[in-house]
Amino acid sequence: MPLYEYACLSCGDRFEALLRGAQAAARCPKCASSELERLVSVPRVQSASTRALTMKAARARDRQQGEERTRAQREYELSHDD
């Protein structure tokens, strides 16, 4: 049962589909179109260095989101000061 990646030519959605048997035809889960392009699947390789880079990017993203939340909370408090 191969897992294929597809791009819908109608709505542009990208998704994965598990196809069972030769008669199985994939359909877009968003618009139900059968106009699909099968994409080349690239295996994901993870090593200590790629994991470190991923964690560094995640920490930076989390820090930025925390700063944005703090800024939004402060703006809310200032605008609703009674």
Protein backbone atom coordinates (compact mmCIF):
# COMPACT_ATOMS: atom_id res chain seq x y z
CA MET A 1 0.00 0.00 0.00
CA PRO A 2 2.05 2.90 -1.24
CA LEU A 3 1.69 6.40 0.13
CA TYR A 4 1.79 9.02 -2.62
CA GLU A 5 2.00 12.80 -2.51
CA TYR A 6 -0.28 14.76 -4.83
CA ALA A 7 -0.95 18.35 -5.87
CA CYS A 8 -4.48 19.18 -7.01
CA LEU A 9 -4.48 21.05 -10.32
CA SER A 10 -7.92 22.53 -9.58
CA CYS A 11 -7.46 24.09 -6.13
CA GLY A 12 -3.69 23.80 -5.56
CA ASP A 13 -4.02 21.73 -2.37
CA ARG A 14 -1.13 19.37 -1.55
CA PHE A 15 -1.89 16.10 0.24
CA GLU A 16 -0.84 12.50 0.73
CA ALA A 17 -2.97 9.52 -0.25
CA LEU A 18 -2.66 5.87 0.68
CA LEU A 19 -3.79 3.87 -2.36
CA ARG A 20 -4.96 0.29 -2.06
CA GLY A 21 -5.08 -1.81 -5.19
CA ALA A 22 -4.60 -0.91 -8.83
CA GLN A 23 -8.16 0.41 -9.30
CA ALA A 24 -7.87 2.96 -6.51
CA ALA A 25 -7.88 6.54 -7.74
CA ALA A 26 -6.94 9.45 -5.56
CA ARG A 27 -9.23 12.48 -5.17
CA CYS A 28 -8.51 15.86 -3.66
CA PRO A 29 -9.86 15.98 -0.09
CA LYS A 30 -10.60 19.71 -0.46
CA CYS A 31 -12.47 19.91 -3.77
CA ALA A 32 -12.92 16.20 -4.69
CA SER A 33 -11.25 16.76 -8.07
CA SER A 34 -9.46 13.90 -9.78
CA GLU A 35 -7.17 16.28 -11.72
CA LEU A 36 -4.03 15.54 -9.73
CA GLU A 37 -0.31 15.63 -10.26
CA ARG A 38 1.72 13.01 -8.42
CA LEU A 39 4.74 14.62 -6.76
CA VAL A 40 8.18 13.19 -6.19
CA SER A 41 8.54 12.14 -2.57
CA VAL A 42 11.86 12.98 -0.97
CA PRO A 43 12.91 10.83 1.98
CA ARG A 44 13.52 12.76 5.17
CA VAL A 45 16.97 12.33 6.61
CA GLN A 46 17.62 13.29 10.19
CA SER A 47 20.98 13.40 11.86
CA ALA A 48 22.37 15.09 14.95
CA SER A 49 23.25 18.21 12.96
CA THR A 50 19.85 18.50 11.20
CA ARG A 51 18.09 17.92 14.52
CA ALA A 52 20.19 20.67 16.15
CA LEU A 53 19.31 23.07 13.32
CA THR A 54 15.63 22.19 13.62
CA MET A 55 15.67 22.76 17.38
CA LYS A 56 17.50 26.08 16.96
CA ALA A 57 14.87 27.25 14.44
CA ALA A 58 12.06 26.09 16.74
CA ARG A 59 13.51 27.98 19.71
CA ALA A 60 13.85 31.15 17.62
CA ARG A 61 10.26 30.77 16.39
CA ASP A 62 8.97 30.19 19.92
CA ARG A 63 10.90 33.19 21.25
CA GLN A 64 9.48 35.43 18.50
CA GLN A 65 5.93 34.18 19.12
CA GLY A 66 6.35 34.80 22.86
CA GLU A 67 7.54 38.35 22.23
CA GLU A 68 4.58 38.97 19.91
CA ARG A 69 2.13 37.63 22.50
CA THR A 70 3.69 39.79 25.22
CA ARG A 71 3.54 42.86 22.97
CA ALA A 72 -0.10 42.16 22.05
CA GLN A 73 -1.02 41.66 25.72
CA ARG A 74 0.68 44.93 26.67
CA GLU A 75 -1.11 46.84 23.88
CA TYR A 76 -4.42 45.32 25.01
CA GLU A 77 -3.80 46.33 28.62
CA LEU A 78 -2.85 49.89 27.61
CA SER A 79 -5.93 50.32 25.41
CA HIS A 80 -8.25 48.93 28.08
CA ASP A 81 -6.81 50.86 31.03
CA ASP A 82 -9.75 52.19 33.08
